[in-house]
Amino acid sequence: MANVNLLNFNQLATILNEINAQATGSKGLAPVNESEFISVAQATLQTGYDPVIQSISQVLGRTIFSVRPYDRKFKGLFMDEQRFGARTRKLQAVDKPFEEDDRIKLVDGQSIDQQRVNKPVVLETNYYGQNVYQKSITVFRDQLDTAFSSSAEFGRFVSMIMQNVQDQIEQAHENTARAVVSNLIGAKKAVSATDTGKTHVLYLVDAYNAETGASLTRDQILSGDNFPKFAKWLYGFLKTLSGMMSERSYQYHLDITGKPVARHTPVRMQKMYLFTPYVNRVGASVLADVYHDELLQYADHEEVNYWQAIKAPAEISVTPAYIDSNGEIPENPEAVAIDYVLGVIFDEEAAGITTVNQWNAAAPFNARGGYTNFFWHFTDRYNLDLTENAVVLVLDTEEGSESSNVVGTAVVGTATAG
């Protein structure tokens, strides 16, 4: 995969196929750099194929067109479409200290200079690079009479094919958004190792034990009578964290190039993603109404069935794209693996997807072959800004989380300092 953080176009098809493979379960979790009267559907064909597409049987009776529209998840990550420009610039004002009041320093016979220059300090970050991929399909003008019983049935077949293409496009957008979230989680874990004193990752087992005086492991928390107590504690903990992120501070984001930017994320601008199996367990045992009616309506939220691979729902394994405190992208970033991601809360500008350009068109009709090719093209930018507030919630101890280290990849455009 080429470096996306350049002024170029990056072919996304290979990584998209890998993401889709894990997300749909055709592959397991892997580093990314997701009898006598019942009719059973079977692939065995007991009649001949039509000679055009060569994958549709000759008509024997009624045809069932199996298709249903797919509605993508992670819609909240998609930002405004951008039509022109090869990069996106972000300007941020840096706080300067207050000064002593000159009024109490006045001296007879002397004047003070009220025109002294005090320049504002501004941090500029830039997003570079774009990812491109396409989808295409061939539709034949004529189909043999043995394949369809009428022109209306052939029309329904074409509609099924087009809906299937749209479903694939929806899922491609969903799974690239899933990769953006996984990259955010991995990036926060990566910077937490060096940006000490900040809150990038919260290890909930450690926090729970510290507040309650217990000494439980994750497995003990998730079993027996311990879970309802933990669930109640976490409800209050998350509301407190959400409130703290709304305060203007330097606590929940990365400062770069020696220009600390104070951030606050109002609740209306917070996004919260929580691991669905955990939320379902809470709903089945304790605080169901509280979690859904209060906490989950407190911020823009979505429940996530799996973070990266459907066969390993709670885990991530990525080599994240991110910047360090110097505002530079590490040349050889280390891999990040987390066994149980419970959730992530972040500012709406911390991560997202911008569709720079997308369009579709039909090629001219091929008179000799009797078919038309349809093409869908996409140019997307997947962005991450670690100077915005974000906190990852890990259901583990910090020591337990460090026990695994799996090499992986994630392709996400990253804000770099200008």
Protein backbone atom coordinates (compact mmCIF):
# COMPACT_ATOMS: atom_id res chain seq x y z
CA MET A 1 0.00 0.00 0.00
CA ALA A 2 1.42 3.43 -0.96
CA ASN A 3 1.83 6.20 1.59
CA VAL A 4 -1.49 8.05 1.74
CA ASN A 5 -0.01 11.14 3.40
CA LEU A 6 1.20 12.65 0.14
CA LEU A 7 -0.35 14.72 -2.61
CA ASN A 8 -1.31 11.70 -4.65
CA PHE A 9 -4.05 9.16 -5.22
CA ASN A 10 -3.91 5.85 -3.43
CA GLN A 11 -5.53 2.70 -4.85
CA LEU A 12 -7.77 1.36 -2.10
CA ALA A 13 -9.12 -1.81 -3.68
CA THR A 14 -6.61 -4.23 -2.12
CA ILE A 15 -6.98 -2.99 1.43
CA LEU A 16 -10.73 -2.58 0.98
CA ASN A 17 -11.00 -6.23 0.01
CA GLU A 18 -8.98 -7.20 3.09
CA ILE A 19 -11.16 -5.04 5.35
CA ASN A 20 -14.30 -6.52 3.84
CA ALA A 21 -12.94 -10.05 4.26
CA GLN A 22 -12.48 -9.60 8.00
CA ALA A 23 -15.64 -7.58 8.48
CA THR A 24 -17.79 -10.13 6.68
CA GLY A 25 -16.11 -13.14 8.26
CA SER A 26 -14.51 -14.67 5.19
CA LYS A 27 -11.26 -14.24 7.12
CA GLY A 28 -10.52 -14.22 10.82
CA LEU A 29 -8.90 -11.37 12.71
CA ALA A 30 -5.67 -10.51 10.95
CA PRO A 31 -3.40 -7.50 10.95
CA VAL A 32 -4.51 -4.87 8.42
CA ASN A 33 -1.43 -2.79 6.72
CA GLU A 34 -12.75 -6.95 8.92
CA SER A 35 -35.59 -33.04 4.88
CA GLU A 36 -38.37 -34.32 2.79
CA PHE A 37 -40.52 -31.18 2.55
CA ILE A 38 -38.15 -28.26 3.24
CA SER A 39 -36.51 -26.69 0.22
CA VAL A 40 -32.83 -26.00 0.93
CA ALA A 41 -30.96 -23.44 -1.16
CA GLN A 42 -28.14 -25.19 -2.96
CA ALA A 43 -25.47 -24.25 -5.48
CA THR A 44 -25.76 -27.48 -7.43
CA LEU A 45 -27.19 -26.73 -10.86
CA GLN A 46 -29.30 -29.44 -12.39
CA THR A 47 -30.20 -27.60 -15.61
CA GLY A 48 -28.10 -25.87 -18.25
CA TYR A 49 -26.69 -22.33 -18.05
CA ASP A 50 -27.61 -19.53 -20.41
CA PRO A 51 -24.73 -18.93 -22.82
CA VAL A 52 -24.48 -15.13 -22.24
CA ILE A 53 -23.64 -14.57 -18.58
CA GLN A 54 -23.16 -18.34 -18.10
CA SER A 55 -24.20 -18.24 -14.48
CA ILE A 56 -28.02 -18.19 -14.69
CA SER A 57 -29.96 -21.38 -15.16
CA GLN A 58 -32.58 -21.83 -17.84
CA VAL A 59 -36.09 -20.97 -16.65
CA LEU A 60 -38.08 -23.88 -15.27
CA GLY A 61 -40.65 -21.98 -13.25
CA ARG A 62 -40.79 -18.89 -11.02
CA THR A 63 -37.63 -16.85 -10.36
CA ILE A 64 -36.96 -15.39 -6.91
CA PHE A 65 -34.81 -12.25 -7.02
CA SER A 66 -33.00 -12.22 -3.68
CA VAL A 67 -31.98 -8.67 -2.82
CA ARG A 68 -32.57 -6.18 -0.02
CA PRO A 69 -31.21 -2.66 0.48
CA TYR A 70 -28.31 -2.39 2.95
CA ASP A 71 -28.01 0.63 5.23
CA ARG A 72 -24.45 1.37 6.29
CA LYS A 73 -23.34 1.83 9.89
CA PHE A 74 -20.93 4.53 11.21
CA LYS A 75 -22.82 7.20 9.25
CA GLY A 76 -21.82 9.81 11.80
CA LEU A 77 -18.21 9.71 10.57
CA PHE A 78 -19.05 11.09 7.15
CA MET A 79 -18.32 14.80 6.77
CA ASP A 80 -19.26 17.36 4.14
CA GLU A 81 -18.31 16.49 0.58
CA GLN A 82 -15.34 18.38 -0.82
CA ARG A 83 -15.22 18.98 -4.55
CA PHE A 84 -11.98 20.90 -5.17
CA GLY A 85 -8.49 21.00 -3.68
CA ALA A 86 -5.72 18.49 -3.03
CA ARG A 87 -5.39 19.13 0.70
CA THR A 88 -7.41 20.34 3.67
CA ARG A 89 -5.97 22.95 6.01
CA LYS A 90 -7.00 23.37 9.65
CA LEU A 91 -6.07 26.49 11.63
CA GLN A 92 -6.17 26.51 15.43
CA ALA A 93 -5.53 29.40 17.81
CA VAL A 94 -3.06 28.76 20.63
CA ASP A 95 -3.67 30.27 24.07
CA LYS A 96 -1.18 32.87 25.28
CA PRO A 97 -0.69 33.70 28.97
CA PHE A 98 -2.39 36.63 30.66
CA GLU A 99 -0.29 39.70 31.41
CA GLU A 100 0.19 41.97 34.40
CA ASP A 101 -2.13 44.97 34.40
CA ASP A 102 -0.20 48.09 33.33
CA ARG A 103 -2.63 50.45 35.09
CA ILE A 104 -1.03 49.87 38.49
CA LYS A 105 2.48 50.41 37.12
CA LEU A 106 1.99 54.00 35.97
CA VAL A 107 4.78 56.46 36.96
CA ASP A 108 4.54 60.27 36.95
CA GLY A 109 6.25 61.81 33.95
CA GLN A 110 6.37 58.51 32.02
CA SER A 111 4.12 56.99 29.40
CA ILE A 112 3.33 53.43 28.41
CA ASP A 113 3.34 52.08 24.90
CA GLN A 114 -0.12 50.84 24.04
CA GLN A 115 0.95 49.85 20.52
CA ARG A 116 3.30 47.03 21.44
CA VAL A 117 2.81 44.05 19.15
CA ASN A 118 1.48 40.82 20.62
CA LYS A 119 1.14 38.41 17.70
CA PRO A 120 -1.39 35.58 17.87
CA VAL A 121 0.03 32.05 17.82
CA VAL A 122 -1.61 29.73 15.32
CA LEU A 123 -1.15 26.01 14.75
CA GLU A 124 -1.75 24.82 11.20
CA THR A 125 -2.34 21.18 10.37
CA ASN A 126 -2.93 19.70 6.93
CA TYR A 127 -4.54 16.61 5.52
CA TYR A 128 -2.91 15.12 2.42
CA GLY A 129 -3.67 12.23 0.13
CA GLN A 130 -6.77 10.65 -1.29
CA ASN A 131 -7.93 7.07 -1.74
CA VAL A 132 -9.53 5.90 -4.96
CA TYR A 133 -11.45 2.78 -5.90
CA GLN A 134 -14.16 1.78 -8.33
CA LYS A 135 -16.99 -0.66 -8.92
CA SER A 136 -18.24 -1.85 -12.27
CA ILE A 137 -20.87 -4.19 -13.71
CA THR A 138 -21.88 -5.37 -17.17
CA VAL A 139 -25.56 -5.41 -18.18
CA PHE A 140 -26.61 -7.19 -21.37
CA ARG A 141 -29.29 -5.71 -23.58
CA ASP A 142 -30.71 -9.05 -24.63
CA GLN A 143 -30.95 -12.22 -22.64
CA LEU A 144 -31.85 -15.54 -24.12
CA ASP A 145 -35.51 -16.48 -23.88
CA THR A 146 -34.53 -19.55 -21.89
CA ALA A 147 -33.15 -17.38 -19.06
CA PHE A 148 -36.19 -15.16 -18.36
CA SER A 149 -39.86 -15.58 -18.99
CA SER A 150 -40.60 -11.95 -19.93
CA SER A 151 -39.11 -8.50 -20.36
CA ALA A 152 -40.58 -7.58 -16.96
CA GLU A 153 -38.71 -10.43 -15.30
CA PHE A 154 -35.51 -9.39 -17.03
CA GLY A 155 -36.10 -5.85 -15.73
CA ARG A 156 -36.40 -7.19 -12.19
CA PHE A 157 -33.15 -9.08 -12.71
CA VAL A 158 -31.35 -5.88 -13.73
CA SER A 159 -32.83 -4.08 -10.72
CA MET A 160 -31.54 -6.86 -8.47
CA ILE A 161 -28.04 -6.53 -9.94
CA MET A 162 -28.03 -2.74 -9.46
CA GLN A 163 -29.30 -3.03 -5.88
CA ASN A 164 -26.56 -5.55 -5.17
CA VAL A 165 -23.98 -3.04 -6.44
CA GLN A 166 -25.44 -0.35 -4.20
CA ASP A 167 -25.34 -2.73 -1.22
CA GLN A 168 -21.65 -3.43 -1.88
CA ILE A 169 -20.94 0.30 -2.07
CA GLU A 170 -22.78 0.90 1.21
CA GLN A 171 -20.81 -1.85 2.91
CA ALA A 172 -17.53 -0.56 1.49
CA HIS A 173 -18.23 2.85 3.03
CA GLU A 174 -19.22 1.18 6.30
CA ASN A 175 -16.10 -0.96 6.52
CA THR A 176 -13.73 1.87 5.66
CA ALA A 177 -15.46 3.88 8.40
CA ARG A 178 -14.94 0.90 10.71
CA ALA A 179 -11.23 1.03 9.83
CA VAL A 180 -11.16 4.76 10.67
CA VAL A 181 -12.52 4.02 14.16
CA SER A 182 -10.04 1.16 14.66
CA ASN A 183 -7.22 3.45 13.58
CA LEU A 184 -8.33 6.14 16.06
CA ILE A 185 -8.29 3.56 18.84
CA GLY A 186 -4.86 2.27 17.83
CA ALA A 187 -3.43 5.77 17.43
CA LYS A 188 -4.56 6.84 20.91
CA LYS A 189 -2.97 3.71 22.35
CA ALA A 190 0.27 4.44 20.46
CA VAL A 191 0.64 8.07 21.60
CA SER A 192 -0.25 7.23 25.20
CA ALA A 193 3.11 5.50 25.59
CA THR A 194 5.04 8.76 25.20
CA ASP A 195 2.50 11.52 25.91
CA THR A 196 2.29 10.76 29.61
CA GLY A 197 0.17 12.77 31.98
CA LYS A 198 -2.67 12.94 29.45
CA THR A 199 -5.80 10.81 29.22
CA HIS A 200 -5.67 8.97 25.89
CA VAL A 201 -6.63 5.47 27.05
CA LEU A 202 -8.56 4.51 30.17
CA TYR A 203 -8.10 0.99 31.56
CA LEU A 204 -11.44 0.42 33.21
CA VAL A 205 -10.44 -2.54 35.39
CA ASP A 206 -7.64 -0.46 36.93
CA ALA A 207 -9.97 2.52 37.41
CA TYR A 208 -12.69 0.36 39.00
CA ASN A 209 -10.28 -1.35 41.37
CA ALA A 210 -8.73 1.99 42.36
CA GLU A 211 -12.09 3.57 43.19
CA THR A 212 -13.66 0.59 44.94
CA GLY A 213 -10.61 -0.91 46.62
CA ALA A 214 -11.18 -4.21 44.85
CA SER A 215 -8.54 -6.29 43.09
CA LEU A 216 -10.58 -7.95 40.37
CA THR A 217 -9.55 -9.16 36.93
CA ARG A 218 -11.60 -8.59 33.80
CA ASP A 219 -12.96 -12.15 33.88
CA GLN A 220 -14.01 -11.71 37.50
CA ILE A 221 -15.76 -8.43 36.70
CA LEU A 222 -17.71 -10.04 33.88
CA SER A 223 -18.86 -12.97 36.02
CA GLY A 224 -21.40 -13.42 38.77
CA ASP A 225 -22.45 -10.65 41.11
CA ASN A 226 -19.52 -8.44 40.18
CA PHE A 227 -20.96 -7.40 36.83
CA PRO A 228 -24.03 -5.42 38.02
CA LYS A 229 -21.82 -3.49 40.43
CA PHE A 230 -19.34 -2.72 37.69
CA ALA A 231 -22.08 -1.72 35.24
CA LYS A 232 -23.52 0.79 37.72
CA TRP A 233 -20.07 2.19 38.41
CA LEU A 234 -19.29 2.51 34.69
CA TYR A 235 -22.56 4.36 34.04
CA GLY A 236 -21.51 7.12 36.40
CA PHE A 237 -17.92 6.98 35.19
CA LEU A 238 -18.92 7.58 31.55
CA LYS A 239 -21.21 10.47 32.41
CA THR A 240 -18.41 12.06 34.41
CA LEU A 241 -15.92 11.53 31.58
CA SER A 242 -18.34 13.04 29.07
CA GLY A 243 -18.74 16.08 31.29
CA MET A 244 -14.98 16.45 31.79
CA MET A 245 -14.43 16.41 28.02
CA SER A 246 -16.77 19.38 27.73
CA GLU A 247 -14.38 21.41 29.90
CA ARG A 248 -11.76 23.54 28.13
CA SER A 249 -8.48 21.78 28.90
CA TYR A 250 -5.36 20.08 27.50
CA GLN A 251 -6.11 16.70 29.04
CA TYR A 252 -7.70 14.55 26.34
CA HIS A 253 -5.66 15.29 23.21
CA LEU A 254 -2.12 15.49 21.86
CA ASP A 255 -0.15 18.73 21.85
CA ILE A 256 2.20 19.08 18.88
CA THR A 257 5.10 21.30 17.78
CA GLY A 258 5.23 23.00 21.17
CA LYS A 259 1.92 24.79 20.54
CA PRO A 260 -0.60 23.46 23.07
CA VAL A 261 -4.19 24.04 21.99
CA ALA A 262 -6.93 24.12 24.63
CA ARG A 263 -9.89 21.97 23.61
CA HIS A 264 -13.43 21.50 24.82
CA THR A 265 -15.98 19.15 23.30
CA PRO A 266 -19.60 20.03 24.13
CA VAL A 267 -21.83 17.01 24.59
CA ARG A 268 -23.63 17.81 21.34
CA MET A 269 -20.29 17.42 19.51
CA GLN A 270 -19.28 14.17 21.22
CA LYS A 271 -19.48 10.83 19.48
CA MET A 272 -19.70 7.68 21.57
CA TYR A 273 -19.25 4.16 20.23
CA LEU A 274 -19.89 1.30 22.66
CA PHE A 275 -19.37 -2.44 22.21
CA THR A 276 -22.82 -3.96 21.61
CA PRO A 277 -22.36 -7.26 23.52
CA TYR A 278 -21.51 -5.30 26.66
CA VAL A 279 -24.51 -2.97 26.25
CA ASN A 280 -26.79 -5.95 25.61
CA ARG A 281 -25.54 -7.64 28.75
CA VAL A 282 -26.25 -4.51 30.75
CA GLY A 283 -29.73 -4.36 29.26
CA ALA A 284 -30.39 -7.97 30.16
CA SER A 285 -29.23 -7.71 33.76
CA VAL A 286 -29.14 -4.17 35.13
CA LEU A 287 -29.74 -0.50 34.31
CA ALA A 288 -31.39 -1.16 30.96
CA ASP A 289 -33.53 1.98 31.00
CA VAL A 290 -30.77 4.14 32.43
CA TYR A 291 -28.20 3.16 29.80
CA HIS A 292 -30.53 3.57 26.86
CA ASP A 293 -32.73 6.47 27.95
CA GLU A 294 -30.12 8.60 29.68
CA LEU A 295 -26.52 7.74 28.89
CA LEU A 296 -26.94 6.69 25.27
CA GLN A 297 -29.07 9.75 24.52
CA TYR A 298 -26.59 11.97 26.28
CA ALA A 299 -24.29 12.05 23.24
CA ASP A 300 -24.36 11.02 19.59
CA HIS A 301 -23.85 7.30 20.02
CA GLU A 302 -23.81 4.07 18.11
CA GLU A 303 -23.48 0.51 19.29
CA VAL A 304 -20.75 -1.48 17.54
CA ASN A 305 -21.15 -5.22 17.03
CA TYR A 306 -17.45 -5.62 16.23
CA TRP A 307 -14.54 -3.22 15.86
CA GLN A 308 -12.48 -4.80 13.09
CA ALA A 309 -13.15 -8.49 12.43
CA ILE A 310 -16.49 -10.20 12.94
CA LYS A 311 -14.72 -13.35 14.17
CA ALA A 312 -12.96 -11.40 16.94
CA PRO A 313 -15.53 -8.74 17.86
CA ALA A 314 -13.87 -7.09 20.86
CA GLU A 315 -10.31 -6.94 19.47
CA ILE A 316 -8.30 -4.66 17.25
CA SER A 317 -4.96 -5.38 15.61
CA VAL A 318 -3.55 -2.44 13.64
CA THR A 319 -0.44 -0.49 12.88
CA PRO A 320 -2.07 2.92 13.15
CA ALA A 321 -1.43 6.07 11.16
CA TYR A 322 -0.79 8.93 13.58
CA ILE A 323 1.48 11.86 14.42
CA ASP A 324 3.80 12.30 17.38
CA SER A 325 4.32 15.36 19.56
CA ASN A 326 6.64 16.82 16.90
CA GLY A 327 3.76 16.81 14.42
CA GLU A 328 5.49 14.15 12.35
CA ILE A 329 4.32 10.75 11.14
CA PRO A 330 6.57 7.98 12.54
CA GLU A 331 8.37 6.14 9.75
CA ASN A 332 8.05 2.74 11.41
CA PRO A 333 5.07 2.89 13.76
CA GLU A 334 4.70 0.03 16.19
CA ALA A 335 1.81 -2.39 16.02
CA VAL A 336 -1.07 -2.10 18.47
CA ALA A 337 -3.27 -4.93 19.69
CA ILE A 338 -6.08 -4.60 22.24
CA ASP A 339 -8.09 -7.60 23.43
CA TYR A 340 -11.26 -5.90 24.68
CA VAL A 341 -12.23 -2.44 23.45
CA LEU A 342 -15.37 -1.43 25.30
CA GLY A 343 -15.80 1.92 23.59
CA VAL A 344 -14.42 5.23 22.46
CA ILE A 345 -15.62 8.80 23.04
CA PHE A 346 -14.30 11.52 20.75
CA ASP A 347 -14.85 14.97 19.30
CA GLU A 348 -16.68 14.94 15.99
CA GLU A 349 -13.61 16.53 14.37
CA ALA A 350 -11.17 13.92 15.70
CA ALA A 351 -11.92 11.36 12.99
CA GLY A 352 -14.05 11.23 9.89
CA ILE A 353 -14.46 10.54 6.22
CA THR A 354 -14.69 13.17 3.51
CA THR A 355 -15.87 12.16 0.07
CA VAL A 356 -13.76 14.32 -2.19
CA ASN A 357 -15.32 13.15 -5.40
CA GLN A 358 -17.69 10.40 -6.46
CA TRP A 359 -19.56 9.81 -9.66
CA ASN A 360 -20.99 7.07 -11.84
CA ALA A 361 -21.61 6.73 -15.55
CA ALA A 362 -22.40 4.19 -18.23
CA ALA A 363 -19.97 3.41 -21.03
CA PRO A 364 -21.26 3.68 -24.62
CA PHE A 365 -23.31 0.70 -25.73
CA ASN A 366 -21.17 -2.05 -27.25
CA ALA A 367 -23.12 -2.91 -30.38
CA ARG A 368 -20.97 -5.89 -31.24
CA GLY A 369 -21.25 -7.48 -27.82
CA GLY A 370 -24.72 -6.25 -26.98
CA TYR A 371 -23.88 -4.93 -23.53
CA THR A 372 -23.25 -1.79 -21.50
CA ASN A 373 -20.70 -1.36 -18.72
CA PHE A 374 -21.58 0.77 -15.70
CA PHE A 375 -18.89 2.30 -13.48
CA TRP A 376 -18.91 3.84 -10.01
CA HIS A 377 -15.84 5.84 -8.93
CA PHE A 378 -14.97 7.04 -5.42
CA THR A 379 -12.32 9.37 -4.04
CA ASP A 380 -12.36 9.41 -0.24
CA ARG A 381 -10.16 10.94 2.43
CA TYR A 382 -10.02 9.20 5.80
CA ASN A 383 -8.80 11.63 8.43
CA LEU A 384 -7.51 11.57 11.98
CA ASP A 385 -6.74 14.60 14.18
CA LEU A 386 -5.11 13.71 17.49
CA THR A 387 -5.16 17.37 18.55
CA GLU A 388 -8.91 16.91 19.11
CA ASN A 389 -10.32 15.23 22.22
CA ALA A 390 -10.69 11.45 22.22
CA VAL A 391 -10.55 8.75 24.89
CA VAL A 392 -10.42 4.98 24.35
CA LEU A 393 -12.11 2.71 26.91
CA VAL A 394 -10.37 -0.65 27.40
CA LEU A 395 -11.97 -3.33 29.57
CA ASP A 396 -8.70 -4.57 31.01
CA THR A 397 -5.81 -3.57 33.22
CA GLU A 398 -2.98 -1.60 31.66
CA GLU A 399 -0.62 -4.48 32.39
CA GLY A 400 -2.96 -7.02 30.79
CA SER A 401 -3.44 -4.82 27.72
CA GLU A 402 0.33 -4.72 27.15
CA SER A 403 0.58 -8.51 27.04
CA SER A 404 -0.12 -8.89 23.33
CA ASN A 405 1.65 -7.27 20.42
CA VAL A 406 0.44 -8.17 16.95
CA VAL A 407 1.73 -6.58 13.77
CA GLY A 408 -0.94 -4.95 11.61
CA THR A 409 -1.80 -2.08 9.31
CA ALA A 410 -4.45 0.60 8.97
CA VAL A 411 -4.78 3.11 6.17
CA VAL A 412 -5.98 6.50 7.39
CA GLY A 413 -4.97 10.01 6.33
CA THR A 414 -3.47 11.90 9.25
CA ALA A 415 -3.29 15.57 10.10
CA THR A 416 0.31 16.76 9.89
CA ALA A 417 1.72 19.96 11.28
CA GLY A 418 2.29 22.82 8.92
